Amino acid sequence: MVLTDVTGVSGRAILKALIAGERDPEQLAGLAVGKARAKIPALIEALDGEFTHHHAFSRRWR
Protein backbone atom coordinates (compact mmCIF):
# COMPACT_ATOMS: atom_id res chain seq x y z
CA MET A 1 0.00 0.00 0.00
CA VAL A 2 1.44 3.33 -1.04
CA LEU A 3 -1.13 5.70 0.44
CA THR A 4 -2.08 4.95 4.01
CA ASP A 5 -5.37 6.86 3.73
CA VAL A 6 -7.20 6.73 0.40
CA THR A 7 -9.76 9.16 1.79
CA GLY A 8 -7.07 11.80 2.32
CA VAL A 9 -6.49 14.71 -0.03
CA SER A 10 -4.20 12.79 -2.41
CA GLY A 11 -6.34 9.66 -2.48
CA ARG A 12 -9.53 11.60 -3.16
CA ALA A 13 -7.89 13.61 -5.93
CA ILE A 14 -6.61 10.44 -7.61
CA LEU A 15 -9.97 8.67 -7.28
CA LYS A 16 -11.80 11.70 -8.66
CA ALA A 17 -9.44 11.81 -11.66
CA LEU A 18 -9.84 8.06 -12.26
CA ILE A 19 -13.63 8.41 -12.23
CA ALA A 20 -13.36 11.36 -14.61
CA GLY A 21 -11.44 9.20 -17.08
CA GLU A 22 -7.75 9.86 -16.40
CA ARG A 23 -5.72 6.67 -16.78
CA ASP A 24 -2.11 7.92 -17.12
CA PRO A 25 -0.23 6.77 -13.99
CA GLU A 26 2.17 9.72 -14.15
CA GLN A 27 -0.66 12.24 -14.36
CA LEU A 28 -2.51 10.53 -11.53
CA ALA A 29 0.59 10.36 -9.31
CA GLY A 30 1.19 14.04 -10.01
CA LEU A 31 -1.99 14.80 -8.07
CA ALA A 32 -0.32 13.72 -4.82
CA VAL A 33 0.18 16.42 -2.21
CA GLY A 34 2.18 16.75 0.98
CA LYS A 35 4.13 13.70 2.15
CA ALA A 36 2.60 11.59 -0.64
CA ARG A 37 4.70 13.52 -3.20
CA ALA A 38 7.78 11.70 -1.91
CA LYS A 39 6.08 8.46 -3.00
CA ILE A 40 5.45 9.45 -6.64
CA PRO A 41 7.61 6.64 -8.13
CA ALA A 42 5.74 4.05 -6.03
CA LEU A 43 2.40 5.69 -6.90
CA ILE A 44 3.18 5.48 -10.62
CA GLU A 45 3.90 1.78 -10.26
CA ALA A 46 0.78 1.20 -8.16
CA LEU A 47 -1.46 3.12 -10.56
CA ASP A 48 -0.27 1.17 -13.61
CA GLY A 49 -3.17 -1.22 -13.83
CA GLU A 50 -6.65 -1.68 -15.15
CA PHE A 51 -9.38 0.72 -14.05
CA THR A 52 -12.33 0.34 -16.39
CA HIS A 53 -15.51 2.28 -17.05
CA HIS A 54 -17.26 -0.34 -14.91
CA HIS A 55 -15.01 0.50 -11.94
CA ALA A 56 -15.65 4.23 -12.37
CA PHE A 57 -19.40 3.71 -12.67
CA SER A 58 -19.56 1.62 -9.51
CA ARG A 59 -17.60 4.28 -7.56
CA ARG A 60 -20.02 7.03 -8.57
CA TRP A 61 -22.84 5.44 -6.61
CA ARG A 62 -21.09 5.01 -3.27
PDB file of N, CA and C in Angstrom:
ATOM      1  N   MET A   1       0.846  -1.173   0.000  1.00  0.00           N
ATOM      2  CA  MET A   1       0.000   0.000   0.000  1.00  0.00           C
ATOM      3  C   MET A   1       0.896   1.242   0.000  1.00  0.00           C
ATOM      4  N   VAL A   2       0.616   2.128  -0.915  1.00  0.00           N
ATOM      5  CA  VAL A   2       1.435   3.331  -1.037  1.00  0.00           C
ATOM      6  C   VAL A   2       0.835   4.472  -0.214  1.00  0.00           C
ATOM      7  N   LEU A   3      -0.456   4.685  -0.350  1.00  0.00           N
ATOM      8  CA  LEU A   3      -1.134   5.703   0.442  1.00  0.00           C
ATOM      9  C   LEU A   3      -1.773   5.033   1.650  1.00  0.00           C
ATOM     10  N   THR A   4      -1.517   5.570   2.807  1.00  0.00           N
ATOM     11  CA  THR A   4      -2.080   4.954   4.009  1.00  0.00           C
ATOM     12  C   THR A   4      -3.543   5.330   4.207  1.00  0.00           C
ATOM     13  N   ASP A   5      -3.989   6.417   3.580  1.00  0.00           N
ATOM     14  CA  ASP A   5      -5.369   6.857   3.726  1.00  0.00           C
ATOM     15  C   ASP A   5      -5.919   7.276   2.366  1.00  0.00           C
ATOM     16  N   VAL A   6      -6.670   6.397   1.728  1.00  0.00           N
ATOM     17  CA  VAL A   6      -7.199   6.726   0.401  1.00  0.00           C
ATOM     18  C   VAL A   6      -8.299   7.776   0.464  1.00  0.00           C
ATOM     19  N   THR A   7      -8.762   8.108   1.671  1.00  0.00           N
ATOM     20  CA  THR A   7      -9.763   9.162   1.793  1.00  0.00           C
ATOM     21  C   THR A   7      -9.118  10.509   2.115  1.00  0.00           C
ATOM     22  N   GLY A   8      -7.782  10.534   2.118  1.00  0.00           N
ATOM     23  CA  GLY A   8      -7.068  11.796   2.325  1.00  0.00           C
ATOM     24  C   GLY A   8      -7.104  12.629   1.052  1.00  0.00           C
ATOM     25  N   VAL A   9      -6.471  13.769   1.098  1.00  0.00           N
ATOM     26  CA  VAL A   9      -6.491  14.707  -0.030  1.00  0.00           C
ATOM     27  C   VAL A   9      -5.948  14.071  -1.303  1.00  0.00           C
ATOM     28  N   SER A  10      -4.798  13.408  -1.225  1.00  0.00           N
ATOM     29  CA  SER A  10      -4.200  12.792  -2.414  1.00  0.00           C
ATOM     30  C   SER A  10      -5.075  11.660  -2.944  1.00  0.00           C
ATOM     31  N   GLY A  11      -5.519  10.798  -2.065  1.00  0.00           N
ATOM     32  CA  GLY A  11      -6.342   9.664  -2.476  1.00  0.00           C
ATOM     33  C   GLY A  11      -7.628  10.099  -3.140  1.00  0.00           C
ATOM     34  N   ARG A  12      -8.282  11.101  -2.573  1.00  0.00           N
ATOM     35  CA  ARG A  12      -9.534  11.596  -3.157  1.00  0.00           C
ATOM     36  C   ARG A  12      -9.292  12.240  -4.510  1.00  0.00           C
ATOM     37  N   ALA A  13      -8.197  12.974  -4.645  1.00  0.00           N
ATOM     38  CA  ALA A  13      -7.889  13.612  -5.929  1.00  0.00           C
ATOM     39  C   ALA A  13      -7.635  12.557  -7.003  1.00  0.00           C
ATOM     40  N   ILE A  14      -6.904  11.505  -6.648  1.00  0.00           N
ATOM     41  CA  ILE A  14      -6.605  10.439  -7.607  1.00  0.00           C
ATOM     42  C   ILE A  14      -7.883   9.690  -7.977  1.00  0.00           C
ATOM     43  N   LEU A  15      -8.705   9.356  -6.996  1.00  0.00           N
ATOM     44  CA  LEU A  15      -9.970   8.665  -7.285  1.00  0.00           C
ATOM     45  C   LEU A  15     -10.880   9.513  -8.159  1.00  0.00           C
ATOM     46  N   LYS A  16     -10.962  10.793  -7.861  1.00  0.00           N
ATOM     47  CA  LYS A  16     -11.796  11.698  -8.664  1.00  0.00           C
ATOM     48  C   LYS A  16     -11.313  11.724 -10.115  1.00  0.00           C
ATOM     49  N   ALA A  17      -9.998  11.789 -10.306  1.00  0.00           N
ATOM     50  CA  ALA A  17      -9.442  11.808 -11.661  1.00  0.00           C
ATOM     51  C   ALA A  17      -9.694  10.477 -12.379  1.00  0.00           C
ATOM     52  N   LEU A  18      -9.561   9.367 -11.668  1.00  0.00           N
ATOM     53  CA  LEU A  18      -9.843   8.058 -12.264  1.00  0.00           C
ATOM     54  C   LEU A  18     -11.295   7.985 -12.729  1.00  0.00           C
ATOM     55  N   ILE A  19     -12.204   8.433 -11.885  1.00  0.00           N
ATOM     56  CA  ILE A  19     -13.628   8.407 -12.232  1.00  0.00           C
ATOM     57  C   ILE A  19     -13.917   9.315 -13.418  1.00  0.00           C
ATOM     58  N   ALA A  20     -13.179  10.425 -13.502  1.00  0.00           N
ATOM     59  CA  ALA A  20     -13.361  11.363 -14.613  1.00  0.00           C
ATOM     60  C   ALA A  20     -12.760  10.859 -15.915  1.00  0.00           C
ATOM     61  N   GLY A  21     -11.974   9.771 -15.847  1.00  0.00           N
ATOM     62  CA  GLY A  21     -11.441   9.200 -17.080  1.00  0.00           C
ATOM     63  C   GLY A  21      -9.935   9.209 -17.225  1.00  0.00           C
ATOM     64  N   GLU A  22      -9.224   9.836 -16.317  1.00  0.00           N
ATOM     65  CA  GLU A  22      -7.751   9.858 -16.402  1.00  0.00           C
ATOM     66  C   GLU A  22      -7.198   8.469 -16.118  1.00  0.00           C
ATOM     67  N   ARG A  23      -6.298   7.996 -16.971  1.00  0.00           N
ATOM     68  CA  ARG A  23      -5.717   6.674 -16.780  1.00  0.00           C
ATOM     69  C   ARG A  23      -4.185   6.682 -16.765  1.00  0.00           C
ATOM     70  N   ASP A  24      -3.565   7.824 -17.064  1.00  0.00           N
ATOM     71  CA  ASP A  24      -2.110   7.916 -17.117  1.00  0.00           C
ATOM     72  C   ASP A  24      -1.536   7.909 -15.696  1.00  0.00           C
ATOM     73  N   PRO A  25      -0.765   6.864 -15.345  1.00  0.00           N
ATOM     74  CA  PRO A  25      -0.228   6.765 -13.990  1.00  0.00           C
ATOM     75  C   PRO A  25       0.607   7.980 -13.564  1.00  0.00           C
ATOM     76  N   GLU A  26       1.347   8.557 -14.488  1.00  0.00           N
ATOM     77  CA  GLU A  26       2.174   9.715 -14.151  1.00  0.00           C
ATOM     78  C   GLU A  26       1.308  10.931 -13.835  1.00  0.00           C
ATOM     79  N   GLN A  27       0.257  11.127 -14.622  1.00  0.00           N
ATOM     80  CA  GLN A  27      -0.661  12.237 -14.364  1.00  0.00           C
ATOM     81  C   GLN A  27      -1.374  12.049 -13.025  1.00  0.00           C
ATOM     82  N   LEU A  28      -1.811  10.830 -12.783  1.00  0.00           N
ATOM     83  CA  LEU A  28      -2.510  10.531 -11.532  1.00  0.00           C
ATOM     84  C   LEU A  28      -1.585  10.723 -10.333  1.00  0.00           C
ATOM     85  N   ALA A  29      -0.366  10.214 -10.415  1.00  0.00           N
ATOM     86  CA  ALA A  29       0.590  10.355  -9.311  1.00  0.00           C
ATOM     87  C   ALA A  29       0.937  11.822  -9.080  1.00  0.00           C
ATOM     88  N   GLY A  30       0.906  12.613 -10.133  1.00  0.00           N
ATOM     89  CA  GLY A  30       1.188  14.036 -10.013  1.00  0.00           C
ATOM     90  C   GLY A  30       0.166  14.794  -9.169  1.00  0.00           C
ATOM     91  N   LEU A  31      -0.960  14.173  -8.896  1.00  0.00           N
ATOM     92  CA  LEU A  31      -1.994  14.796  -8.071  1.00  0.00           C
ATOM     93  C   LEU A  31      -1.695  14.683  -6.573  1.00  0.00           C
ATOM     94  N   ALA A  32      -0.680  13.911  -6.235  1.00  0.00           N
ATOM     95  CA  ALA A  32      -0.318  13.719  -4.824  1.00  0.00           C
ATOM     96  C   ALA A  32       0.125  15.043  -4.207  1.00  0.00           C
ATOM     97  N   VAL A  33      -0.210  15.204  -2.942  1.00  0.00           N
ATOM     98  CA  VAL A  33       0.177  16.419  -2.213  1.00  0.00           C
ATOM     99  C   VAL A  33       0.861  16.026  -0.904  1.00  0.00           C
ATOM    100  N   GLY A  34       1.546  16.974  -0.319  1.00  0.00           N
ATOM    101  CA  GLY A  34       2.179  16.750   0.978  1.00  0.00           C
ATOM    102  C   GLY A  34       3.198  15.625   0.964  1.00  0.00           C
ATOM    103  N   LYS A  35       3.170  14.802   2.009  1.00  0.00           N
ATOM    104  CA  LYS A  35       4.129  13.704   2.146  1.00  0.00           C
ATOM    105  C   LYS A  35       3.997  12.666   1.040  1.00  0.00           C
ATOM    106  N   ALA A  36       2.825  12.563   0.434  1.00  0.00           N
ATOM    107  CA  ALA A  36       2.604  11.587  -0.636  1.00  0.00           C
ATOM    108  C   ALA A  36       3.448  11.903  -1.869  1.00  0.00           C
ATOM    109  N   ARG A  37       3.877  13.164  -2.031  1.00  0.00           N
ATOM    110  CA  ARG A  37       4.700  13.525  -3.200  1.00  0.00           C
ATOM    111  C   ARG A  37       6.037  12.786  -3.184  1.00  0.00           C
ATOM    112  N   ALA A  38       6.516  12.444  -2.006  1.00  0.00           N
ATOM    113  CA  ALA A  38       7.775  11.700  -1.908  1.00  0.00           C
ATOM    114  C   ALA A  38       7.604  10.266  -2.406  1.00  0.00           C
ATOM    115  N   LYS A  39       6.373   9.832  -2.575  1.00  0.00           N
ATOM    116  CA  LYS A  39       6.081   8.464  -2.997  1.00  0.00           C
ATOM    117  C   LYS A  39       5.662   8.376  -4.463  1.00  0.00           C
ATOM    118  N   ILE A  40       5.908   9.424  -5.241  1.00  0.00           N
ATOM    119  CA  ILE A  40       5.449   9.452  -6.635  1.00  0.00           C
ATOM    120  C   ILE A  40       5.936   8.244  -7.433  1.00  0.00           C
ATOM    121  N   PRO A  41       7.211   7.834  -7.358  1.00  0.00           N
ATOM    122  CA  PRO A  41       7.606   6.638  -8.130  1.00  0.00           C
ATOM    123  C   PRO A  41       6.785   5.397  -7.751  1.00  0.00           C
ATOM    124  N   ALA A  42       6.536   5.202  -6.474  1.00  0.00           N
ATOM    125  CA  ALA A  42       5.737   4.054  -6.033  1.00  0.00           C
ATOM    126  C   ALA A  42       4.279   4.216  -6.459  1.00  0.00           C
ATOM    127  N   LEU A  43       3.767   5.440  -6.459  1.00  0.00           N
ATOM    128  CA  LEU A  43       2.401   5.687  -6.904  1.00  0.00           C
ATOM    129  C   LEU A  43       2.246   5.361  -8.384  1.00  0.00           C
ATOM    130  N   ILE A  44       3.229   5.774  -9.182  1.00  0.00           N
ATOM    131  CA  ILE A  44       3.176   5.485 -10.621  1.00  0.00           C
ATOM    132  C   ILE A  44       3.096   3.980 -10.842  1.00  0.00           C
ATOM    133  N   GLU A  45       3.919   3.239 -10.132  1.00  0.00           N
ATOM    134  CA  GLU A  45       3.904   1.781 -10.262  1.00  0.00           C
ATOM    135  C   GLU A  45       2.557   1.204  -9.805  1.00  0.00           C
ATOM    136  N   ALA A  46       2.039   1.705  -8.694  1.00  0.00           N
ATOM    137  CA  ALA A  46       0.777   1.198  -8.155  1.00  0.00           C
ATOM    138  C   ALA A  46      -0.413   1.550  -9.040  1.00  0.00           C
ATOM    139  N   LEU A  47      -0.339   2.674  -9.732  1.00  0.00           N
ATOM    140  CA  LEU A  47      -1.459   3.121 -10.564  1.00  0.00           C
ATOM    141  C   LEU A  47      -1.406   2.572 -11.978  1.00  0.00           C
ATOM    142  N   ASP A  48      -0.389   1.793 -12.286  1.00  0.00           N
ATOM    143  CA  ASP A  48      -0.272   1.171 -13.605  1.00  0.00           C
ATOM    144  C   ASP A  48      -1.052  -0.138 -13.584  1.00  0.00           C
ATOM    145  N   GLY A  49      -2.313  -0.035 -13.887  1.00  0.00           N
ATOM    146  CA  GLY A  49      -3.173  -1.215 -13.834  1.00  0.00           C
ATOM    147  C   GLY A  49      -4.407  -1.011 -14.678  1.00  0.00           C
ATOM    148  N   GLU A  50      -5.427  -1.752 -14.370  1.00  0.00           N
ATOM    149  CA  GLU A  50      -6.653  -1.678 -15.149  1.00  0.00           C
ATOM    150  C   GLU A  50      -7.773  -1.090 -14.296  1.00  0.00           C
ATOM    151  N   PHE A  51      -8.239   0.068 -14.677  1.00  0.00           N
ATOM    152  CA  PHE A  51      -9.379   0.725 -14.047  1.00  0.00           C
ATOM    153  C   PHE A  51     -10.334   1.021 -15.184  1.00  0.00           C
ATOM    154  N   THR A  52     -11.417   0.263 -15.252  1.00  0.00           N
ATOM    155  CA  THR A  52     -12.331   0.344 -16.393  1.00  0.00           C
ATOM    156  C   THR A  52     -13.499   1.284 -16.125  1.00  0.00           C
ATOM    157  N   HIS A  53     -14.289   1.483 -17.167  1.00  0.00           N
ATOM    158  CA  HIS A  53     -15.512   2.275 -17.046  1.00  0.00           C
ATOM    159  C   HIS A  53     -16.418   1.662 -15.977  1.00  0.00           C
ATOM    160  N   HIS A  54     -16.449   0.350 -15.913  1.00  0.00           N
ATOM    161  CA  HIS A  54     -17.261  -0.335 -14.908  1.00  0.00           C
ATOM    162  C   HIS A  54     -16.820   0.055 -13.495  1.00  0.00           C
ATOM    163  N   HIS A  55     -15.517   0.102 -13.252  1.00  0.00           N
ATOM    164  CA  HIS A  55     -15.005   0.504 -11.942  1.00  0.00           C
ATOM    165  C   HIS A  55     -15.439   1.945 -11.613  1.00  0.00           C
ATOM    166  N   ALA A  56     -15.286   2.831 -12.583  1.00  0.00           N
ATOM    167  CA  ALA A  56     -15.651   4.232 -12.372  1.00  0.00           C
ATOM    168  C   ALA A  56     -17.138   4.360 -12.090  1.00  0.00           C
ATOM    169  N   PHE A  57     -17.948   3.650 -12.850  1.00  0.00           N
ATOM    170  CA  PHE A  57     -19.398   3.710 -12.675  1.00  0.00           C
ATOM    171  C   PHE A  57     -19.798   3.233 -11.275  1.00  0.00           C
ATOM    172  N   SER A  58     -19.203   2.153 -10.824  1.00  0.00           N
ATOM    173  CA  SER A  58     -19.562   1.624  -9.508  1.00  0.00           C
ATOM    174  C   SER A  58     -19.129   2.563  -8.387  1.00  0.00           C
ATOM    175  N   ARG A  59     -18.060   3.326  -8.577  1.00  0.00           N
ATOM    176  CA  ARG A  59     -17.599   4.276  -7.561  1.00  0.00           C
ATOM    177  C   ARG A  59     -18.507   5.490  -7.481  1.00  0.00           C
ATOM    178  N   ARG A  60     -19.152   5.851  -8.569  1.00  0.00           N
ATOM    179  CA  ARG A  60     -20.016   7.034  -8.575  1.00  0.00           C
ATOM    180  C   ARG A  60     -21.193   6.878  -7.626  1.00  0.00           C
ATOM    181  N   TRP A  61     -21.615   5.675  -7.384  1.00  0.00           N
ATOM    182  CA  TRP A  61     -22.837   5.438  -6.609  1.00  0.00           C
ATOM    183  C   TRP A  61     -22.572   5.074  -5.164  1.00  0.00           C
ATOM    184  N   ARG A  62     -21.399   5.304  -4.681  1.00  0.00           N
ATOM    185  CA  ARG A  62     -21.095   5.014  -3.272  1.00  0.00           C
ATOM    186  C   ARG A  62     -21.029   6.264  -2.463  1.00  0.00           C
TER     187      ARG A  62
END
